[in-house]
């Protein structure tokens, strides 16, 4: 989030358009969480509901990377702000991936606490 805020608030950029990627950060995990609640245990992870949720999640992920690039190519924001936003995207999505990876494990050592 620091990179995204820097892309918006540094004196040479001074535009808050890159901050709209935060909307994608919020929307990205929602389809997967809903699909996990509605899939049965016997179906596995290849159910149609889960596949649709992964497709929608990837759409949000690609859109969050495409938005700053499109804004920079259109001349709305500077390329430096675009690069800062892309760096923030990588860090935020790695954090979300780590969260789902760690908290999806049931037999880890931390589960005994």
N, C-alpha and C. Protein backbone atom coordinates (compact mmCIF):
# COMPACT_ATOMS: atom_id res chain seq x y z
N UNK A 1 0.82 -1.20 0.00
CA UNK A 1 0.00 0.00 0.00
C UNK A 1 0.86 1.25 0.00
N UNK A 2 2.06 1.15 0.55
CA UNK A 2 2.93 2.32 0.59
C UNK A 2 3.30 2.76 -0.82
N UNK A 3 3.59 1.80 -1.70
CA UNK A 3 3.92 2.16 -3.07
C UNK A 3 2.74 2.82 -3.78
N UNK A 4 1.55 2.32 -3.55
CA UNK A 4 0.36 2.90 -4.20
C UNK A 4 0.12 4.31 -3.69
N UNK A 5 0.28 4.51 -2.39
CA UNK A 5 0.09 5.86 -1.84
C UNK A 5 1.18 6.80 -2.33
N UNK A 6 2.41 6.30 -2.44
CA UNK A 6 3.48 7.14 -3.00
C UNK A 6 3.22 7.50 -4.45
N UNK A 7 2.65 6.56 -5.21
CA UNK A 7 2.32 6.84 -6.61
C UNK A 7 1.27 7.94 -6.73
N UNK A 8 0.49 8.12 -5.70
CA UNK A 8 -0.55 9.15 -5.72
C UNK A 8 -0.10 10.46 -5.08
N UNK A 9 0.70 10.40 -4.04
CA UNK A 9 0.92 11.56 -3.20
C UNK A 9 2.25 12.27 -3.40
N UNK A 10 3.19 11.68 -4.13
CA UNK A 10 4.45 12.39 -4.33
C UNK A 10 4.21 13.70 -5.08
N UNK A 11 4.98 14.73 -4.74
CA UNK A 11 4.71 16.06 -5.31
C UNK A 11 4.77 16.12 -6.84
N UNK A 12 5.60 15.31 -7.46
CA UNK A 12 5.66 15.37 -8.93
C UNK A 12 4.49 14.66 -9.60
N UNK A 13 3.77 13.79 -8.88
CA UNK A 13 2.64 13.07 -9.48
C UNK A 13 1.31 13.74 -9.15
N UNK A 14 0.99 13.92 -7.89
CA UNK A 14 -0.17 14.65 -7.38
C UNK A 14 -1.52 14.26 -7.98
N UNK A 15 -1.68 13.05 -8.45
CA UNK A 15 -2.97 12.57 -8.95
C UNK A 15 -3.32 11.28 -8.23
N UNK A 16 -4.58 11.13 -7.88
CA UNK A 16 -5.00 9.98 -7.09
C UNK A 16 -5.66 8.91 -7.93
N UNK A 17 -5.52 8.94 -9.25
CA UNK A 17 -6.09 7.91 -10.11
C UNK A 17 -5.52 6.52 -9.84
N UNK A 18 -4.23 6.35 -9.56
CA UNK A 18 -3.74 4.99 -9.29
C UNK A 18 -4.35 4.34 -8.06
N UNK A 19 -4.94 5.13 -7.18
CA UNK A 19 -5.51 4.58 -5.95
C UNK A 19 -6.74 3.72 -6.22
N UNK A 20 -7.28 3.78 -7.43
CA UNK A 20 -8.44 2.96 -7.77
C UNK A 20 -8.11 1.47 -7.79
N UNK A 21 -6.83 1.10 -7.82
CA UNK A 21 -6.48 -0.32 -7.76
C UNK A 21 -6.83 -0.93 -6.41
N UNK A 22 -7.02 -0.11 -5.40
CA UNK A 22 -7.42 -0.62 -4.08
C UNK A 22 -8.79 -1.29 -4.17
N UNK A 23 -9.64 -0.82 -5.06
CA UNK A 23 -10.92 -1.46 -5.29
C UNK A 23 -10.72 -2.90 -5.77
N UNK A 24 -9.74 -3.12 -6.63
CA UNK A 24 -9.44 -4.48 -7.09
C UNK A 24 -8.85 -5.33 -5.96
N UNK A 25 -8.08 -4.71 -5.07
CA UNK A 25 -7.54 -5.46 -3.93
C UNK A 25 -8.67 -5.99 -3.05
N UNK A 26 -9.71 -5.20 -2.90
CA UNK A 26 -10.84 -5.60 -2.06
C UNK A 26 -11.69 -6.66 -2.75
N UNK A 27 -11.90 -6.50 -4.06
CA UNK A 27 -12.77 -7.41 -4.79
C UNK A 27 -12.11 -8.74 -5.15
N UNK A 28 -10.80 -8.78 -5.21
CA UNK A 28 -10.09 -9.96 -5.70
C UNK A 28 -10.36 -11.23 -4.90
N UNK A 29 -10.27 -11.26 -3.59
CA UNK A 29 -10.48 -12.53 -2.89
C UNK A 29 -11.94 -12.94 -2.69
N UNK A 30 -12.87 -12.05 -2.97
CA UNK A 30 -14.28 -12.34 -2.69
C UNK A 30 -14.83 -13.53 -3.47
N UNK A 31 -14.61 -13.65 -4.80
CA UNK A 31 -15.16 -14.82 -5.50
C UNK A 31 -14.61 -16.14 -4.98
N UNK A 32 -13.34 -16.19 -4.65
CA UNK A 32 -12.74 -17.43 -4.15
C UNK A 32 -13.31 -17.78 -2.78
N UNK A 33 -13.49 -16.80 -1.93
CA UNK A 33 -14.06 -17.09 -0.61
C UNK A 33 -15.50 -17.59 -0.72
N UNK A 34 -16.27 -17.00 -1.62
CA UNK A 34 -17.65 -17.45 -1.81
C UNK A 34 -17.68 -18.86 -2.38
N UNK A 35 -16.80 -19.15 -3.33
CA UNK A 35 -16.78 -20.48 -3.94
C UNK A 35 -16.34 -21.54 -2.95
N UNK A 36 -15.44 -21.22 -2.06
CA UNK A 36 -15.01 -22.19 -1.05
C UNK A 36 -16.14 -22.51 -0.08
N UNK A 37 -17.01 -21.57 0.16
CA UNK A 37 -18.13 -21.81 1.07
C UNK A 37 -19.21 -22.68 0.41
N UNK A 38 -19.29 -22.62 -0.94
CA UNK A 38 -20.38 -23.31 -1.63
C UNK A 38 -19.96 -24.59 -2.34
N UNK A 39 -18.69 -24.96 -2.29
CA UNK A 39 -18.30 -26.23 -2.90
C UNK A 39 -18.37 -27.32 -1.85
N UNK A 40 -18.77 -28.50 -2.28
CA UNK A 40 -18.84 -29.62 -1.35
C UNK A 40 -17.47 -30.27 -1.24
N UNK A 41 -17.27 -31.00 -0.17
CA UNK A 41 -15.98 -31.63 0.07
C UNK A 41 -15.66 -32.73 -0.92
N UNK A 42 -16.68 -33.41 -1.47
CA UNK A 42 -16.44 -34.52 -2.39
C UNK A 42 -16.09 -34.04 -3.78
N UNK A 43 -16.47 -32.82 -4.12
CA UNK A 43 -16.24 -32.32 -5.47
C UNK A 43 -14.80 -31.95 -5.74
N UNK A 44 -14.03 -31.68 -4.73
CA UNK A 44 -12.66 -31.27 -4.94
C UNK A 44 -12.56 -29.83 -5.37
N UNK A 45 -11.43 -29.46 -5.90
CA UNK A 45 -11.22 -28.07 -6.29
C UNK A 45 -11.52 -27.83 -7.76
N UNK A 46 -11.98 -28.84 -8.49
CA UNK A 46 -12.25 -28.68 -9.91
C UNK A 46 -13.73 -28.48 -10.21
N UNK A 47 -14.50 -28.07 -9.26
CA UNK A 47 -15.92 -27.86 -9.51
C UNK A 47 -16.10 -26.61 -10.37
N UNK A 48 -17.27 -26.54 -11.00
CA UNK A 48 -17.55 -25.40 -11.89
C UNK A 48 -17.59 -24.10 -11.12
N UNK A 49 -18.07 -24.15 -9.90
CA UNK A 49 -18.14 -22.94 -9.06
C UNK A 49 -16.74 -22.41 -8.77
N UNK A 50 -15.82 -23.30 -8.42
CA UNK A 50 -14.46 -22.88 -8.11
C UNK A 50 -13.74 -22.37 -9.36
N UNK A 51 -13.96 -23.03 -10.49
CA UNK A 51 -13.33 -22.60 -11.74
C UNK A 51 -13.82 -21.21 -12.15
N UNK A 52 -15.11 -20.96 -11.97
CA UNK A 52 -15.65 -19.63 -12.28
C UNK A 52 -15.08 -18.58 -11.34
N UNK A 53 -14.94 -18.92 -10.08
CA UNK A 53 -14.38 -17.98 -9.11
C UNK A 53 -12.92 -17.66 -9.42
N UNK A 54 -12.16 -18.66 -9.83
CA UNK A 54 -10.76 -18.42 -10.20
C UNK A 54 -10.69 -17.53 -11.44
N UNK A 55 -11.59 -17.75 -12.41
CA UNK A 55 -11.63 -16.93 -13.61
C UNK A 55 -11.93 -15.47 -13.27
N UNK A 56 -12.92 -15.23 -12.41
CA UNK A 56 -13.27 -13.86 -12.02
C UNK A 56 -12.14 -13.22 -11.23
N UNK A 57 -11.51 -14.00 -10.34
CA UNK A 57 -10.38 -13.48 -9.56
C UNK A 57 -9.23 -13.08 -10.47
N UNK A 58 -8.94 -13.90 -11.48
CA UNK A 58 -7.87 -13.55 -12.41
C UNK A 58 -8.23 -12.31 -13.23
N UNK A 59 -9.51 -12.13 -13.51
CA UNK A 59 -9.94 -10.91 -14.19
C UNK A 59 -9.66 -9.67 -13.35
N UNK A 60 -9.92 -9.75 -12.05
CA UNK A 60 -9.61 -8.63 -11.16
C UNK A 60 -8.10 -8.40 -11.09
N UNK A 61 -7.35 -9.48 -11.04
CA UNK A 61 -5.89 -9.36 -10.93
C UNK A 61 -5.31 -8.71 -12.18
N UNK A 62 -5.71 -9.17 -13.34
CA UNK A 62 -5.21 -8.60 -14.60
C UNK A 62 -5.65 -7.14 -14.72
N UNK A 63 -6.87 -6.84 -14.31
CA UNK A 63 -7.36 -5.46 -14.38
C UNK A 63 -6.57 -4.52 -13.48
N UNK A 64 -6.15 -5.02 -12.32
CA UNK A 64 -5.39 -4.14 -11.43
C UNK A 64 -3.99 -3.86 -11.97
N UNK A 65 -3.45 -4.76 -12.76
CA UNK A 65 -2.17 -4.47 -13.40
C UNK A 65 -2.35 -3.63 -14.67
N UNK A 66 -3.48 -3.81 -15.35
CA UNK A 66 -3.71 -3.09 -16.60
C UNK A 66 -4.11 -1.64 -16.37
N UNK A 67 -4.82 -1.35 -15.29
CA UNK A 67 -5.30 0.01 -15.06
C UNK A 67 -4.19 1.04 -15.03
N UNK A 68 -3.12 0.88 -14.23
CA UNK A 68 -2.08 1.90 -14.24
C UNK A 68 -1.34 1.99 -15.57
N UNK A 69 -1.21 0.87 -16.28
CA UNK A 69 -0.53 0.90 -17.59
C UNK A 69 -1.36 1.69 -18.59
N UNK A 70 -2.66 1.46 -18.59
CA UNK A 70 -3.54 2.20 -19.50
C UNK A 70 -3.56 3.68 -19.15
N UNK A 71 -3.61 3.99 -17.86
CA UNK A 71 -3.59 5.39 -17.44
C UNK A 71 -2.28 6.08 -17.84
N UNK A 72 -1.18 5.37 -17.74
CA UNK A 72 0.11 5.96 -18.11
C UNK A 72 0.22 6.13 -19.63
N UNK A 73 -0.25 5.17 -20.38
CA UNK A 73 -0.20 5.29 -21.85
C UNK A 73 -1.12 6.39 -22.36
N UNK A 74 -2.20 6.63 -21.63
CA UNK A 74 -3.13 7.70 -22.04
C UNK A 74 -2.65 9.08 -21.60
N UNK A 75 -1.60 9.11 -20.79
CA UNK A 75 -1.06 10.39 -20.34
C UNK A 75 -1.75 10.95 -19.12
N UNK A 76 -2.58 10.18 -18.48
CA UNK A 76 -3.29 10.65 -17.29
C UNK A 76 -2.35 10.70 -16.09
N UNK A 77 -1.52 9.66 -15.94
CA UNK A 77 -0.53 9.62 -14.85
C UNK A 77 0.86 9.48 -15.47
N UNK A 78 1.87 9.76 -14.68
CA UNK A 78 3.24 9.60 -15.14
C UNK A 78 3.67 8.14 -15.04
N UNK A 79 4.70 7.79 -15.80
CA UNK A 79 5.17 6.41 -15.80
C UNK A 79 5.76 6.02 -14.45
N UNK A 80 6.35 6.96 -13.73
CA UNK A 80 6.86 6.67 -12.40
C UNK A 80 5.76 6.23 -11.45
N UNK A 81 4.61 6.89 -11.54
CA UNK A 81 3.47 6.50 -10.72
C UNK A 81 2.96 5.13 -11.14
N UNK A 82 3.04 4.83 -12.43
CA UNK A 82 2.63 3.52 -12.92
C UNK A 82 3.54 2.44 -12.34
N UNK A 83 4.84 2.66 -12.36
CA UNK A 83 5.78 1.67 -11.84
C UNK A 83 5.60 1.46 -10.34
N UNK A 84 5.35 2.53 -9.60
CA UNK A 84 5.11 2.39 -8.17
C UNK A 84 3.83 1.61 -7.89
N UNK A 85 2.81 1.85 -8.70
CA UNK A 85 1.56 1.12 -8.52
C UNK A 85 1.73 -0.36 -8.86
N UNK A 86 2.49 -0.66 -9.91
CA UNK A 86 2.74 -2.05 -10.27
C UNK A 86 3.55 -2.77 -9.18
N UNK A 87 4.51 -2.08 -8.58
CA UNK A 87 5.27 -2.67 -7.48
C UNK A 87 4.36 -2.93 -6.28
N UNK A 88 3.47 -2.00 -6.00
CA UNK A 88 2.50 -2.21 -4.93
C UNK A 88 1.56 -3.37 -5.22
N UNK A 89 1.17 -3.53 -6.49
CA UNK A 89 0.32 -4.66 -6.87
C UNK A 89 1.00 -5.99 -6.59
N UNK A 90 2.26 -6.10 -6.96
CA UNK A 90 2.99 -7.35 -6.76
C UNK A 90 3.03 -7.69 -5.27
N UNK A 91 3.34 -6.72 -4.45
CA UNK A 91 3.46 -6.98 -3.01
C UNK A 91 2.10 -7.32 -2.40
N UNK A 92 1.07 -6.61 -2.76
CA UNK A 92 -0.26 -6.87 -2.20
C UNK A 92 -0.76 -8.25 -2.61
N UNK A 93 -0.59 -8.61 -3.87
CA UNK A 93 -1.10 -9.91 -4.31
C UNK A 93 -0.26 -11.06 -3.77
N UNK A 94 1.03 -10.87 -3.57
CA UNK A 94 1.81 -11.91 -2.90
C UNK A 94 1.36 -12.08 -1.45
N UNK A 95 0.99 -10.98 -0.80
CA UNK A 95 0.47 -11.05 0.56
C UNK A 95 -0.87 -11.79 0.60
N UNK A 96 -1.76 -11.50 -0.33
CA UNK A 96 -3.05 -12.18 -0.38
C UNK A 96 -2.85 -13.67 -0.67
N UNK A 97 -1.94 -14.00 -1.59
CA UNK A 97 -1.64 -15.40 -1.89
C UNK A 97 -1.08 -16.11 -0.66
N UNK A 98 -0.17 -15.46 0.04
CA UNK A 98 0.38 -16.05 1.27
C UNK A 98 -0.68 -16.26 2.32
N UNK A 99 -1.60 -15.32 2.45
CA UNK A 99 -2.68 -15.46 3.43
C UNK A 99 -3.54 -16.69 3.12
N UNK A 100 -3.94 -16.83 1.85
CA UNK A 100 -4.77 -17.97 1.49
C UNK A 100 -4.00 -19.28 1.57
N UNK A 101 -2.71 -19.26 1.29
CA UNK A 101 -1.92 -20.48 1.37
C UNK A 101 -1.74 -20.92 2.80
N UNK A 102 -1.41 -20.01 3.68
CA UNK A 102 -1.16 -20.36 5.07
C UNK A 102 -2.44 -20.76 5.79
N UNK A 103 -3.50 -20.01 5.62
CA UNK A 103 -4.72 -20.29 6.36
C UNK A 103 -5.58 -21.37 5.72
N UNK A 104 -5.18 -21.89 4.57
CA UNK A 104 -5.90 -23.01 3.97
C UNK A 104 -5.37 -24.34 4.47
N UNK A 105 -4.16 -24.35 5.00
CA UNK A 105 -3.57 -25.58 5.53
C UNK A 105 -4.25 -25.94 6.86
N UNK A 106 -4.66 -27.20 6.97
CA UNK A 106 -5.30 -27.64 8.20
C UNK A 106 -4.37 -28.40 9.12
N UNK A 107 -3.31 -28.98 8.58
CA UNK A 107 -2.44 -29.83 9.37
C UNK A 107 -1.09 -29.18 9.67
N UNK A 108 -1.03 -27.88 9.75
CA UNK A 108 0.22 -27.20 10.04
C UNK A 108 0.51 -27.22 11.53
N UNK A 109 1.73 -26.88 11.87
CA UNK A 109 2.13 -26.85 13.27
C UNK A 109 1.44 -25.73 14.05
N UNK A 110 1.11 -24.63 13.37
CA UNK A 110 0.49 -23.52 14.09
C UNK A 110 -0.96 -23.83 14.47
N UNK A 111 -1.56 -24.87 13.86
CA UNK A 111 -2.97 -25.17 14.13
C UNK A 111 -3.20 -25.69 15.55
N UNK A 112 -2.13 -26.16 16.22
CA UNK A 112 -2.31 -26.68 17.56
C UNK A 112 -2.47 -25.55 18.58
N UNK A 113 -2.18 -24.32 18.21
CA UNK A 113 -2.30 -23.21 19.17
C UNK A 113 -3.73 -22.82 19.23
